[in-house]
């Protein structure tokens, strides 16, 4: 009878070990899912992604960067025109034409240079 008892005890131990392995596998799967969810949340917050989908934040970031670049470009262009208009007026001795005419000529020259550089 002793052998029957040890056999049943080893069966219980195997069943317990199997159940423990299943619990550990479930725990690992749940842990992995939580880690992935937390990783997604971290990167979503880090990149400023919106609630309308993962691409919303990237698009907003690109749009903001493009707007910033456009504003910088406009400021630089304005400064270039300003300097060019001054040199045009200086070249003719600040007489004969209006500042508006100098500005328009300088604007055309700067736009031509910028257009050539972009091609």
PDB file of N, CA and C in Angstrom:
ATOM      1  N   UNK A   1       0.812  -1.196   0.000  1.00  0.00           N
ATOM      2  CA  UNK A   1       0.000   0.000   0.000  1.00  0.00           C
ATOM      3  C   UNK A   1       0.848   1.250   0.000  1.00  0.00           C
ATOM      4  N   UNK A   2       1.979   1.130   0.507  1.00  0.00           N
ATOM      5  CA  UNK A   2       2.846   2.292   0.553  1.00  0.00           C
ATOM      6  C   UNK A   2       3.171   2.789  -0.847  1.00  0.00           C
ATOM      7  N   UNK A   3       3.334   1.864  -1.749  1.00  0.00           N
ATOM      8  CA  UNK A   3       3.646   2.258  -3.121  1.00  0.00           C
ATOM      9  C   UNK A   3       2.476   3.022  -3.741  1.00  0.00           C
ATOM     10  N   UNK A   4       1.267   2.633  -3.439  1.00  0.00           N
ATOM     11  CA  UNK A   4       0.101   3.339  -3.961  1.00  0.00           C
ATOM     12  C   UNK A   4       0.068   4.753  -3.418  1.00  0.00           C
ATOM     13  N   UNK A   5       0.370   4.936  -2.161  1.00  0.00           N
ATOM     14  CA  UNK A   5       0.392   6.261  -1.556  1.00  0.00           C
ATOM     15  C   UNK A   5       1.449   7.146  -2.174  1.00  0.00           C
ATOM     16  N   UNK A   6       2.629   6.628  -2.409  1.00  0.00           N
ATOM     17  CA  UNK A   6       3.674   7.451  -2.998  1.00  0.00           C
ATOM     18  C   UNK A   6       3.367   7.775  -4.451  1.00  0.00           C
ATOM     19  N   UNK A   7       2.684   6.810  -5.119  1.00  0.00           N
ATOM     20  CA  UNK A   7       2.281   7.087  -6.503  1.00  0.00           C
ATOM     21  C   UNK A   7       1.273   8.224  -6.547  1.00  0.00           C
ATOM     22  N   UNK A   8       0.297   8.229  -5.669  1.00  0.00           N
ATOM     23  CA  UNK A   8      -0.695   9.296  -5.655  1.00  0.00           C
ATOM     24  C   UNK A   8      -0.068  10.614  -5.226  1.00  0.00           C
ATOM     25  N   UNK A   9       0.901  10.540  -4.332  1.00  0.00           N
ATOM     26  CA  UNK A   9       1.584  11.777  -3.929  1.00  0.00           C
ATOM     27  C   UNK A   9       2.401  12.342  -5.091  1.00  0.00           C
ATOM     28  N   UNK A  10       3.052  11.483  -5.871  1.00  0.00           N
ATOM     29  CA  UNK A  10       3.819  11.982  -7.023  1.00  0.00           C
ATOM     30  C   UNK A  10       2.888  12.530  -8.089  1.00  0.00           C
ATOM     31  N   UNK A  11       1.699  11.967  -8.234  1.00  0.00           N
ATOM     32  CA  UNK A  11       0.715  12.495  -9.185  1.00  0.00           C
ATOM     33  C   UNK A  11       0.238  13.872  -8.749  1.00  0.00           C
ATOM     34  N   UNK A  12      -0.010  14.024  -7.463  1.00  0.00           N
ATOM     35  CA  UNK A  12      -0.426  15.333  -6.952  1.00  0.00           C
ATOM     36  C   UNK A  12       0.693  16.344  -7.168  1.00  0.00           C
ATOM     37  N   UNK A  13       1.901  15.938  -6.929  1.00  0.00           N
ATOM     38  CA  UNK A  13       3.028  16.834  -7.109  1.00  0.00           C
ATOM     39  C   UNK A  13       3.165  17.230  -8.581  1.00  0.00           C
ATOM     40  N   UNK A  14       2.984  16.285  -9.477  1.00  0.00           N
ATOM     41  CA  UNK A  14       3.045  16.612 -10.920  1.00  0.00           C
ATOM     42  C   UNK A  14       1.895  17.531 -11.314  1.00  0.00           C
ATOM     43  N   UNK A  15       0.712  17.268 -10.789  1.00  0.00           N
ATOM     44  CA  UNK A  15      -0.426  18.139 -11.088  1.00  0.00           C
ATOM     45  C   UNK A  15      -0.191  19.539 -10.539  1.00  0.00           C
ATOM     46  N   UNK A  16       0.352  19.617  -9.349  1.00  0.00           N
ATOM     47  CA  UNK A  16       0.645  20.921  -8.758  1.00  0.00           C
ATOM     48  C   UNK A  16       1.719  21.637  -9.572  1.00  0.00           C
ATOM     49  N   UNK A  17       2.732  20.889  -9.989  1.00  0.00           N
ATOM     50  CA  UNK A  17       3.796  21.497 -10.802  1.00  0.00           C
ATOM     51  C   UNK A  17       3.237  21.983 -12.130  1.00  0.00           C
ATOM     52  N   UNK A  18       2.367  21.193 -12.728  1.00  0.00           N
ATOM     53  CA  UNK A  18       1.744  21.605 -13.993  1.00  0.00           C
ATOM     54  C   UNK A  18       0.900  22.857 -13.822  1.00  0.00           C
ATOM     55  N   UNK A  19       0.140  22.896 -12.730  1.00  0.00           N
ATOM     56  CA  UNK A  19      -0.686  24.071 -12.451  1.00  0.00           C
ATOM     57  C   UNK A  19       0.195  25.291 -12.198  1.00  0.00           C
ATOM     58  N   UNK A  20       1.293  25.084 -11.490  1.00  0.00           N
ATOM     59  CA  UNK A  20       2.215  26.198 -11.216  1.00  0.00           C
ATOM     60  C   UNK A  20       2.837  26.705 -12.519  1.00  0.00           C
ATOM     61  N   UNK A  21       3.184  25.810 -13.407  1.00  0.00           N
ATOM     62  CA  UNK A  21       3.749  26.209 -14.711  1.00  0.00           C
ATOM     63  C   UNK A  21       2.725  27.000 -15.503  1.00  0.00           C
ATOM     64  N   UNK A  22       1.477  26.553 -15.494  1.00  0.00           N
ATOM     65  CA  UNK A  22       0.416  27.287 -16.196  1.00  0.00           C
ATOM     66  C   UNK A  22       0.221  28.677 -15.595  1.00  0.00           C
ATOM     67  N   UNK A  23       0.215  28.760 -14.244  1.00  0.00           N
ATOM     68  CA  UNK A  23       0.064  30.068 -13.598  1.00  0.00           C
ATOM     69  C   UNK A  23       1.224  30.988 -13.958  1.00  0.00           C
ATOM     70  N   UNK A  24       2.434  30.434 -13.974  1.00  0.00           N
ATOM     71  CA  UNK A  24       3.613  31.228 -14.316  1.00  0.00           C
ATOM     72  C   UNK A  24       3.533  31.695 -15.765  1.00  0.00           C
ATOM     73  N   UNK A  25       3.085  30.826 -16.669  1.00  0.00           N
ATOM     74  CA  UNK A  25       2.953  31.200 -18.080  1.00  0.00           C
ATOM     75  C   UNK A  25       1.911  32.312 -18.235  1.00  0.00           C
ATOM     76  N   UNK A  26       0.783  32.186 -17.520  1.00  0.00           N
ATOM     77  CA  UNK A  26      -0.249  33.230 -17.565  1.00  0.00           C
ATOM     78  C   UNK A  26       0.295  34.549 -17.010  1.00  0.00           C
ATOM     79  N   UNK A  27       1.018  34.447 -15.902  1.00  0.00           N
ATOM     80  CA  UNK A  27       1.611  35.647 -15.302  1.00  0.00           C
ATOM     81  C   UNK A  27       2.576  36.321 -16.290  1.00  0.00           C
ATOM     82  N   UNK A  28       3.426  35.517 -16.926  1.00  0.00           N
ATOM     83  CA  UNK A  28       4.379  36.069 -17.900  1.00  0.00           C
ATOM     84  C   UNK A  28       3.671  36.711 -19.077  1.00  0.00           C
ATOM     85  N   UNK A  29       2.609  36.073 -19.564  1.00  0.00           N
ATOM     86  CA  UNK A  29       1.854  36.640 -20.685  1.00  0.00           C
ATOM     87  C   UNK A  29       1.208  37.964 -20.272  1.00  0.00           C
ATOM     88  N   UNK A  30       0.614  38.003 -19.083  1.00  0.00           N
ATOM     89  CA  UNK A  30       0.001  39.240 -18.589  1.00  0.00           C
ATOM     90  C   UNK A  30       1.045  40.332 -18.383  1.00  0.00           C
ATOM     91  N   UNK A  31       2.189  39.948 -17.832  1.00  0.00           N
ATOM     92  CA  UNK A  31       3.265  40.904 -17.619  1.00  0.00           C
ATOM     93  C   UNK A  31       3.743  41.485 -18.949  1.00  0.00           C
ATOM     94  N   UNK A  32       3.888  40.626 -19.935  1.00  0.00           N
ATOM     95  CA  UNK A  32       4.306  41.085 -21.265  1.00  0.00           C
ATOM     96  C   UNK A  32       3.289  42.062 -21.851  1.00  0.00           C
ATOM     97  N   UNK A  33       2.007  41.746 -21.716  1.00  0.00           N
ATOM     98  CA  UNK A  33       0.960  42.636 -22.222  1.00  0.00           C
ATOM     99  C   UNK A  33       0.989  43.989 -21.518  1.00  0.00           C
ATOM    100  N   UNK A  34       1.179  43.975 -20.190  1.00  0.00           N
ATOM    101  CA  UNK A  34       1.262  45.241 -19.446  1.00  0.00           C
ATOM    102  C   UNK A  34       2.476  46.056 -19.872  1.00  0.00           C
ATOM    103  N   UNK A  35       3.599  45.365 -20.072  1.00  0.00           N
ATOM    104  CA  UNK A  35       4.817  46.077 -20.487  1.00  0.00           C
ATOM    105  C   UNK A  35       4.630  46.724 -21.857  1.00  0.00           C
ATOM    106  N   UNK A  36       4.011  46.009 -22.781  1.00  0.00           N
ATOM    107  CA  UNK A  36       3.756  46.558 -24.111  1.00  0.00           C
ATOM    108  C   UNK A  36       2.812  47.753 -24.006  1.00  0.00           C
ATOM    109  N   UNK A  37       1.750  47.614 -23.200  1.00  0.00           N
ATOM    110  CA  UNK A  37       0.799  48.718 -23.032  1.00  0.00           C
ATOM    111  C   UNK A  37       1.470  49.944 -22.419  1.00  0.00           C
ATOM    112  N   UNK A  38       2.311  49.719 -21.408  1.00  0.00           N
ATOM    113  CA  UNK A  38       3.014  50.839 -20.775  1.00  0.00           C
ATOM    114  C   UNK A  38       4.013  51.464 -21.735  1.00  0.00           C
ATOM    115  N   UNK A  39       4.662  50.660 -22.546  1.00  0.00           N
ATOM    116  CA  UNK A  39       5.601  51.174 -23.534  1.00  0.00           C
ATOM    117  C   UNK A  39       4.881  52.043 -24.563  1.00  0.00           C
ATOM    118  N   UNK A  40       3.736  51.577 -25.024  1.00  0.00           N
ATOM    119  CA  UNK A  40       2.941  52.352 -25.986  1.00  0.00           C
ATOM    120  C   UNK A  40       2.491  53.661 -25.347  1.00  0.00           C
ATOM    121  N   UNK A  41       2.029  53.601 -24.107  1.00  0.00           N
ATOM    122  CA  UNK A  41       1.587  54.813 -23.423  1.00  0.00           C
ATOM    123  C   UNK A  41       2.743  55.790 -23.256  1.00  0.00           C
ATOM    124  N   UNK A  42       3.911  55.293 -22.870  1.00  0.00           N
ATOM    125  CA  UNK A  42       5.085  56.159 -22.697  1.00  0.00           C
ATOM    126  C   UNK A  42       5.426  56.860 -23.996  1.00  0.00           C
ATOM    127  N   UNK A  43       5.510  56.096 -25.078  1.00  0.00           N
ATOM    128  CA  UNK A  43       5.889  56.701 -26.351  1.00  0.00           C
ATOM    129  C   UNK A  43       4.802  57.618 -26.888  1.00  0.00           C
ATOM    130  N   UNK A  44       3.559  57.291 -26.592  1.00  0.00           N
ATOM    131  CA  UNK A  44       2.457  58.153 -27.000  1.00  0.00           C
ATOM    132  C   UNK A  44       2.574  59.508 -26.318  1.00  0.00           C
ATOM    133  N   UNK A  45       2.833  59.492 -25.024  1.00  0.00           N
ATOM    134  CA  UNK A  45       2.987  60.749 -24.292  1.00  0.00           C
ATOM    135  C   UNK A  45       4.250  61.479 -24.719  1.00  0.00           C
ATOM    136  N   UNK A  46       5.318  60.740 -24.932  1.00  0.00           N
ATOM    137  CA  UNK A  46       6.612  61.329 -25.288  1.00  0.00           C
ATOM    138  C   UNK A  46       6.556  62.028 -26.638  1.00  0.00           C
ATOM    139  N   UNK A  47       5.850  61.423 -27.585  1.00  0.00           N
ATOM    140  CA  UNK A  47       5.766  61.992 -28.931  1.00  0.00           C
ATOM    141  C   UNK A  47       4.595  62.947 -29.076  1.00  0.00           C
ATOM    142  N   UNK A  48       3.766  63.054 -28.055  1.00  0.00           N
ATOM    143  CA  UNK A  48       2.618  63.953 -28.138  1.00  0.00           C
ATOM    144  C   UNK A  48       1.549  63.434 -29.073  1.00  0.00           C
ATOM    145  N   UNK A  49       1.427  62.124 -29.148  1.00  0.00           N
ATOM    146  CA  UNK A  49       0.426  61.548 -30.042  1.00  0.00           C
ATOM    147  C   UNK A  49      -0.953  61.785 -29.472  1.00  0.00           C
ATOM    148  N   UNK A  50      -1.878  62.003 -30.359  1.00  0.00           N
ATOM    149  CA  UNK A  50      -3.232  62.315 -29.922  1.00  0.00           C
ATOM    150  C   UNK A  50      -4.097  61.091 -29.760  1.00  0.00           C
ATOM    151  N   UNK A  51      -5.315  61.320 -29.343  1.00  0.00           N
ATOM    152  CA  UNK A  51      -6.243  60.226 -29.082  1.00  0.00           C
ATOM    153  C   UNK A  51      -6.919  59.729 -30.353  1.00  0.00           C
ATOM    154  N   UNK A  52      -6.757  60.443 -31.450  1.00  0.00           N
ATOM    155  CA  UNK A  52      -7.403  60.032 -32.693  1.00  0.00           C
ATOM    156  C   UNK A  52      -6.587  59.020 -33.464  1.00  0.00           C
ATOM    157  N   UNK A  53      -5.518  58.551 -32.923  1.00  0.00           N
ATOM    158  CA  UNK A  53      -4.714  57.541 -33.590  1.00  0.00           C
ATOM    159  C   UNK A  53      -3.244  57.857 -33.489  1.00  0.00           C
ATOM    160  N   UNK A  54      -2.433  56.864 -33.786  1.00  0.00           N
ATOM    161  CA  UNK A  54      -0.996  57.049 -33.596  1.00  0.00           C
ATOM    162  C   UNK A  54      -0.365  58.061 -34.534  1.00  0.00           C
ATOM    163  N   UNK A  55      -0.991  58.319 -35.672  1.00  0.00           N
ATOM    164  CA  UNK A  55      -0.377  59.234 -36.629  1.00  0.00           C
ATOM    165  C   UNK A  55      -0.722  60.698 -36.371  1.00  0.00           C
ATOM    166  N   UNK A  56      -1.750  60.936 -35.560  1.00  0.00           N
ATOM    167  CA  UNK A  56      -2.182  62.317 -35.310  1.00  0.00           C
ATOM    168  C   UNK A  56      -1.046  63.157 -34.734  1.00  0.00           C
ATOM    169  N   UNK A  57      -0.357  62.637 -33.761  1.00  0.00           N
ATOM    170  CA  UNK A  57       0.732  63.386 -33.127  1.00  0.00           C
ATOM    171  C   UNK A  57       1.881  63.636 -34.068  1.00  0.00           C
ATOM    172  N   UNK A  58       2.226  62.628 -34.876  1.00  0.00           N
ATOM    173  CA  UNK A  58       3.312  62.815 -35.836  1.00  0.00           C
ATOM    174  C   UNK A  58       2.943  63.890 -36.843  1.00  0.00           C
ATOM    175  N   UNK A  59       1.701  63.855 -37.301  1.00  0.00           N
ATOM    176  CA  UNK A  59       1.255  64.851 -38.283  1.00  0.00           C
ATOM    177  C   UNK A  59       1.291  66.238 -37.653  1.00  0.00           C
ATOM    178  N   UNK A  60       0.799  66.351 -36.418  1.00  0.00           N
ATOM    179  CA  UNK A  60       0.819  67.655 -35.746  1.00  0.00           C
ATOM    180  C   UNK A  60       2.244  68.137 -35.543  1.00  0.00           C
ATOM    181  N   UNK A  61       3.138  67.235 -35.213  1.00  0.00           N
ATOM    182  CA  UNK A  61       4.546  67.599 -35.030  1.00  0.00           C
ATOM    183  C   UNK A  61       5.135  68.087 -36.340  1.00  0.00           C
ATOM    184  N   UNK A  62       4.867  67.364 -37.426  1.00  0.00           N
ATOM    185  CA  UNK A  62       5.368  67.770 -38.745  1.00  0.00           C
ATOM    186  C   UNK A  62       4.785  69.117 -39.161  1.00  0.00           C
ATOM    187  N   UNK A  63       3.487  69.311 -38.922  1.00  0.00           N
ATOM    188  CA  UNK A  63       2.849  70.580 -39.281  1.00  0.00           C
ATOM    189  C   UNK A  63       3.444  71.733 -38.483  1.00  0.00           C
ATOM    190  N   UNK A  64       3.671  71.512 -37.195  1.00  0.00           N
ATOM    191  CA  UNK A  64       4.256  72.566 -36.357  1.00  0.00           C
ATOM    192  C   UNK A  64       5.667  72.892 -36.824  1.00  0.00           C
ATOM    193  N   UNK A  65       6.430  71.868 -37.169  1.00  0.00           N
ATOM    194  CA  UNK A  65       7.792  72.090 -37.650  1.00  0.00           C
ATOM    195  C   UNK A  65       7.780  72.830 -38.987  1.00  0.00           C
ATOM    196  N   UNK A  66       6.859  72.445 -39.879  1.00  0.00           N
ATOM    197  CA  UNK A  66       6.757  73.121 -41.172  1.00  0.00           C
ATOM    198  C   UNK A  66       6.348  74.583 -40.982  1.00  0.00           C
ATOM    199  N   UNK A  67       5.416  74.835 -40.073  1.00  0.00           N
ATOM    200  CA  UNK A  67       4.990  76.213 -39.811  1.00  0.00           C
ATOM    201  C   UNK A  67       6.147  77.025 -39.229  1.00  0.00           C
ATOM    202  N   UNK A  68       6.906  76.402 -38.346  1.00  0.00           N
ATOM    203  CA  UNK A  68       8.064  77.082 -37.765  1.00  0.00           C
ATOM    204  C   UNK A  68       9.098  77.395 -38.843  1.00  0.00           C
ATOM    205  N   UNK A  69       9.340  76.424 -39.717  1.00  0.00           N
ATOM    206  CA  UNK A  69      10.292  76.648 -40.813  1.00  0.00           C
ATOM    207  C   UNK A  69       9.797  77.734 -41.761  1.00  0.00           C
ATOM    208  N   UNK A  70       8.491  77.751 -42.026  1.00  0.00           N
ATOM    209  CA  UNK A  70       7.926  78.772 -42.906  1.00  0.00           C
ATOM    210  C   UNK A  70       8.069  80.157 -42.288  1.00  0.00           C
ATOM    211  N   UNK A  71       7.818  80.243 -40.974  1.00  0.00           N
ATOM    212  CA  UNK A  71       7.953  81.537 -40.289  1.00  0.00           C
ATOM    213  C   UNK A  71       9.402  81.997 -40.315  1.00  0.00           C
ATOM    214  N   UNK A  72      10.322  81.071 -40.069  1.00  0.00           N
ATOM    215  CA  UNK A  72      11.746  81.408 -40.110  1.00  0.00           C
ATOM    216  C   UNK A  72      12.142  81.837 -41.513  1.00  0.00           C
ATOM    217  N   UNK A  73      11.653  81.107 -42.504  1.00  0.00           N
ATOM    218  CA  UNK A  73      11.951  81.438 -43.899  1.00  0.00           C
ATOM    219  C   UNK A  73      11.417  82.832 -44.238  1.00  0.00           C
ATOM    220  N   UNK A  74      10.201  83.118 -43.798  1.00  0.00           N
ATOM    221  CA  UNK A  74       9.608  84.431 -44.077  1.00  0.00           C
ATOM    222  C   UNK A  74      10.413  85.550 -43.424  1.00  0.00           C
ATOM    223  N   UNK A  75      10.856  85.322 -42.189  1.00  0.00           N
ATOM    224  CA  UNK A  75      11.657  86.337 -41.495  1.00  0.00           C
ATOM    225  C   UNK A  75      12.996  86.553 -42.196  1.00  0.00           C
ATOM    226  N   UNK A  76      13.639  85.468 -42.592  1.00  0.00           N
ATOM    227  CA  UNK A  76      14.920  85.587 -43.299  1.00  0.00           C
ATOM    228  C   UNK A  76      14.748  86.284 -44.644  1.00  0.00           C
ATOM    229  N   UNK A  77      13.694  85.900 -45.355  1.00  0.00           N
ATOM    230  CA  UNK A  77      13.415  86.517 -46.657  1.00  0.00           C
ATOM    231  C   UNK A  77      13.187  88.020 -46.485  1.00  0.00           C
ATOM    232  N   UNK A  78      12.413  88.377 -45.467  1.00  0.00           N
ATOM    233  CA  UNK A  78      12.126  89.799 -45.226  1.00  0.00           C
ATOM    234  C   UNK A  78      13.421  90.554 -44.935  1.00  0.00           C
ATOM    235  N   UNK A  79      14.282  89.968 -44.108  1.00  0.00           N
ATOM    236  CA  UNK A  79      15.571  90.601 -43.800  1.00  0.00           C
ATOM    237  C   UNK A  79      16.449  90.745 -45.032  1.00  0.00           C
ATOM    238  N   UNK A  80      16.448  89.732 -45.891  1.00  0.00           N
ATOM    239  CA  UNK A  80      17.246  89.802 -47.122  1.00  0.00           C
ATOM    240  C   UNK A  80      16.739  90.909 -48.042  1.00  0.00           C
ATOM    241  N   UNK A  81      15.415  91.025 -48.138  1.00  0.00           N
ATOM    242  CA  UNK A  81      14.826  92.073 -48.976  1.00  0.00           C
ATOM    243  C   UNK A  81      15.177  93.446 -48.410  1.00  0.00           C
ATOM    244  N   UNK A  82      15.091  93.578 -47.112  1.00  0.00           N
ATOM    245  CA  UNK A  82      15.395  94.838 -46.443  1.00  0.00           C
ATOM    246  C   UNK A  82      16.828  95.292 -46.752  1.00  0.00           C
ATOM    247  N   UNK A  83      17.780  94.363 -46.636  1.00  0.00           N
ATOM    248  CA  UNK A  83      19.185  94.696 -46.898  1.00  0.00           C
ATOM    249  C   UNK A  83      19.386  95.007 -48.375  1.00  0.00           C
ATOM    250  N   UNK A  84      18.781  94.201 -49.238  1.00  0.00           N
ATOM    251  CA  UNK A  84      18.930  94.432 -50.678  1.00  0.00           C
ATOM    252  C   UNK A  84      18.341  95.781 -51.087  1.00  0.00           C
ATOM    253  N   UNK A  85      17.188  96.126 -50.523  1.00  0.00           N
ATOM    254  CA  UNK A  85      16.564  97.419 -50.840  1.00  0.00           C
ATOM    255  C   UNK A  85      17.457  98.572 -50.371  1.00  0.00           C
ATOM    256  N   UNK A  86      18.068  98.429 -49.224  1.00  0.00           N
ATOM    257  CA  UNK A  86      18.975  99.463 -48.732  1.00  0.00           C
ATOM    258  C   UNK A  86      20.153  99.633 -49.696  1.00  0.00           C
ATOM    259  N   UNK A  87      20.758  98.530 -50.116  1.00  0.00           N
ATOM    260  CA  UNK A  87      21.908  98.623 -51.012  1.00  0.00           C
ATOM    261  C   UNK A  87      21.521  99.185 -52.389  1.00  0.00           C
ATOM    262  N   UNK A  88      20.315  98.883 -52.836  1.00  0.00           N
ATOM    263  CA  UNK A  88      19.846  99.478 -54.101  1.00  0.00           C
ATOM    264  C   UNK A  88      19.726 100.997 -53.955  1.00  0.00           C
ATOM    265  N   UNK A  89      19.133 101.433 -52.839  1.00  0.00           N
ATOM    266  CA  UNK A  89      18.980 102.878 -52.601  1.00  0.00           C
ATOM    267  C   UNK A  89      20.345 103.533 -52.427  1.00  0.00           C
ATOM    268  N   UNK A  90      21.242 102.882 -51.724  1.00  0.00           N
ATOM    269  CA  UNK A  90      22.578 103.421 -51.513  1.00  0.00           C
ATOM    270  C   UNK A  90      23.338 103.529 -52.841  1.00  0.00           C
ATOM    271  N   UNK A  91      23.183 102.519 -53.673  1.00  0.00           N
ATOM    272  CA  UNK A  91      23.875 102.487 -54.965  1.00  0.00           C
ATOM    273  C   UNK A  91      23.479 103.675 -55.847  1.00  0.00           C
ATOM    274  N   UNK A  92      22.233 104.091 -55.791  1.00  0.00           N
ATOM    275  CA  UNK A  92      21.786 105.241 -56.604  1.00  0.00           C
ATOM    276  C   UNK A  92      21.852 106.539 -55.822  1.00  0.00           C
ATOM    277  N   UNK A  93      22.447 106.528 -54.627  1.00  0.00           N
ATOM    278  CA  UNK A  93      22.630 107.754 -53.855  1.00  0.00           C
ATOM    279  C   UNK A  93      21.387 108.193 -53.108  1.00  0.00           C
ATOM    280  N   UNK A  94      20.469 107.296 -52.830  1.00  0.00           N
ATOM    281  CA  UNK A  94      19.237 107.573 -52.084  1.00  0.00           C
ATOM    282  C   UNK A  94      18.382 108.657 -52.741  1.00  0.00           C
ATOM    283  N   UNK A  95      18.470 108.761 -54.050  1.00  0.00           N
ATOM    284  CA  UNK A  95      17.628 109.759 -54.735  1.00  0.00           C
ATOM    285  C   UNK A  95      17.040 109.146 -55.990  1.00  0.00           C
ATOM    286  N   UNK A  96      15.977 109.760 -56.452  1.00  0.00           N
ATOM    287  CA  UNK A  96      15.379 109.373 -57.720  1.00  0.00           C
ATOM    288  C   UNK A  96      14.175 108.450 -57.608  1.00  0.00           C
ATOM    289  N   UNK A  97      14.224 107.442 -56.800  1.00  0.00           N
ATOM    290  CA  UNK A  97      13.103 106.499 -56.696  1.00  0.00           C
ATOM    291  C   UNK A  97      12.605 106.448 -55.261  1.00  0.00           C
ATOM    292  N   UNK A  98      11.420 105.869 -55.129  1.00  0.00           N
ATOM    293  CA  UNK A  98      10.854 105.736 -53.781  1.00  0.00           C
ATOM    294  C   UNK A  98      11.362 104.450 -53.109  1.00  0.00           C
ATOM    295  N   UNK A  99      11.198 104.409 -51.806  1.00  0.00           N
ATOM    296  CA  UNK A  99      11.595 103.224 -51.049  1.00  0.00           C
ATOM    297  C   UNK A  99      10.764 102.002 -51.470  1.00  0.00           C
ATOM    298  N   UNK A 100       9.509 102.244 -51.845  1.00  0.00           N
ATOM    299  CA  UNK A 100       8.638 101.150 -52.299  1.00  0.00           C
ATOM    300  C   UNK A 100       9.152 100.516 -53.585  1.00  0.00           C
ATOM    301  N   UNK A 101       9.655 101.349 -54.490  1.00  0.00           N
ATOM    302  CA  UNK A 101      10.206 100.808 -55.741  1.00  0.00           C
ATOM    303  C   UNK A 101      11.483 100.002 -55.458  1.00  0.00           C
ATOM    304  N   UNK A 102      12.325 100.521 -54.561  1.00  0.00           N
ATOM    305  CA  UNK A 102      13.525  99.769 -54.172  1.00  0.00           C
ATOM    306  C   UNK A 102      13.137  98.423 -53.544  1.00  0.00           C
ATOM    307  N   UNK A 103      12.115  98.478 -52.707  1.00  0.00           N
ATOM    308  CA  UNK A 103      11.661  97.258 -52.042  1.00  0.00           C
ATOM    309  C   UNK A 103      11.180  96.223 -53.057  1.00  0.00           C
ATOM    310  N   UNK A 104      10.382  96.655 -54.026  1.00  0.00           N
ATOM    311  CA  UNK A 104       9.846  95.729 -55.023  1.00  0.00           C
ATOM    312  C   UNK A 104      10.963  95.122 -55.877  1.00  0.00           C
ATOM    313  N   UNK A 105      11.951  95.931 -56.258  1.00  0.00           N
ATOM    314  CA  UNK A 105      13.076  95.407 -57.029  1.00  0.00           C
ATOM    315  C   UNK A 105      13.898  94.424 -56.193  1.00  0.00           C
ATOM    316  N   UNK A 106      14.131  94.784 -54.942  1.00  0.00           N
ATOM    317  CA  UNK A 106      14.882  93.900 -54.044  1.00  0.00           C
ATOM    318  C   UNK A 106      14.123  92.595 -53.814  1.00  0.00           C
ATOM    319  N   UNK A 107      12.817  92.687 -53.675  1.00  0.00           N
ATOM    320  CA  UNK A 107      11.995  91.498 -53.486  1.00  0.00           C
ATOM    321  C   UNK A 107      12.102  90.557 -54.680  1.00  0.00           C
ATOM    322  N   UNK A 108      12.063  91.110 -55.874  1.00  0.00           N
ATOM    323  CA  UNK A 108      12.199  90.294 -57.081  1.00  0.00           C
ATOM    324  C   UNK A 108      13.580  89.628 -57.136  1.00  0.00           C
ATOM    325  N   UNK A 109      14.622  90.379 -56.780  1.00  0.00           N
ATOM    326  CA  UNK A 109      15.978  89.819 -56.803  1.00  0.00           C
ATOM    327  C   UNK A 109      16.131  88.694 -55.776  1.00  0.00           C
ATOM    328  N   UNK A 110      15.642  88.929 -54.570  1.00  0.00           N
ATOM    329  CA  UNK A 110      15.752  87.911 -53.513  1.00  0.00           C
ATOM    330  C   UNK A 110      14.949  86.674 -53.875  1.00  0.00           C
ATOM    331  N   UNK A 111      13.731  86.866 -54.391  1.00  0.00           N
ATOM    332  CA  UNK A 111      12.922  85.715 -54.780  1.00  0.00           C
ATOM    333  C   UNK A 111      13.585  84.917 -55.902  1.00  0.00           C
ATOM    334  N   UNK A 112      14.233  85.597 -56.829  1.00  0.00           N
ATOM    335  CA  UNK A 112      14.933  84.894 -57.915  1.00  0.00           C
ATOM    336  C   UNK A 112      16.087  84.070 -57.353  1.00  0.00           C
ATOM    337  N   UNK A 113      16.834  84.641 -56.404  1.00  0.00           N
ATOM    338  CA  UNK A 113      17.950  83.918 -55.798  1.00  0.00           C
ATOM    339  C   UNK A 113      17.427  82.700 -55.010  1.00  0.00           C
ATOM    340  N   UNK A 114      16.372  82.907 -54.229  1.00  0.00           N
ATOM    341  CA  UNK A 114      15.817  81.809 -53.451  1.00  0.00           C
ATOM    342  C   UNK A 114      15.231  80.720 -54.353  1.00  0.00           C
ATOM    343  N   UNK A 115      14.627  81.123 -55.428  1.00  0.00           N
ATOM    344  CA  UNK A 115      14.062  80.153 -56.369  1.00  0.00           C
ATOM    345  C   UNK A 115      15.174  79.328 -57.014  1.00  0.00           C
ATOM    346  N   UNK A 116      16.272  79.998 -57.404  1.00  0.00           N
ATOM    347  CA  UNK A 116      17.402  79.287 -57.993  1.00  0.00           C
ATOM    348  C   UNK A 116      18.022  78.293 -57.013  1.00  0.00           C
ATOM    349  N   UNK A 117      18.066  78.669 -55.730  1.00  0.00           N
ATOM    350  CA  UNK A 117      18.668  77.787 -54.713  1.00  0.00           C
ATOM    351  C   UNK A 117      17.790  76.574 -54.443  1.00  0.00           C
ATOM    352  N   UNK A 118      16.476  76.718 -54.584  1.00  0.00           N
ATOM    353  CA  UNK A 118      15.587  75.600 -54.288  1.00  0.00           C
ATOM    354  C   UNK A 118      15.509  74.598 -55.431  1.00  0.00           C
ATOM    355  N   UNK A 119      15.959  74.963 -56.597  1.00  0.00           N
ATOM    356  CA  UNK A 119      15.919  74.032 -57.741  1.00  0.00           C
ATOM    357  C   UNK A 119      17.181  73.275 -57.885  1.00  0.00           C
TER     358      UNK A 119
END
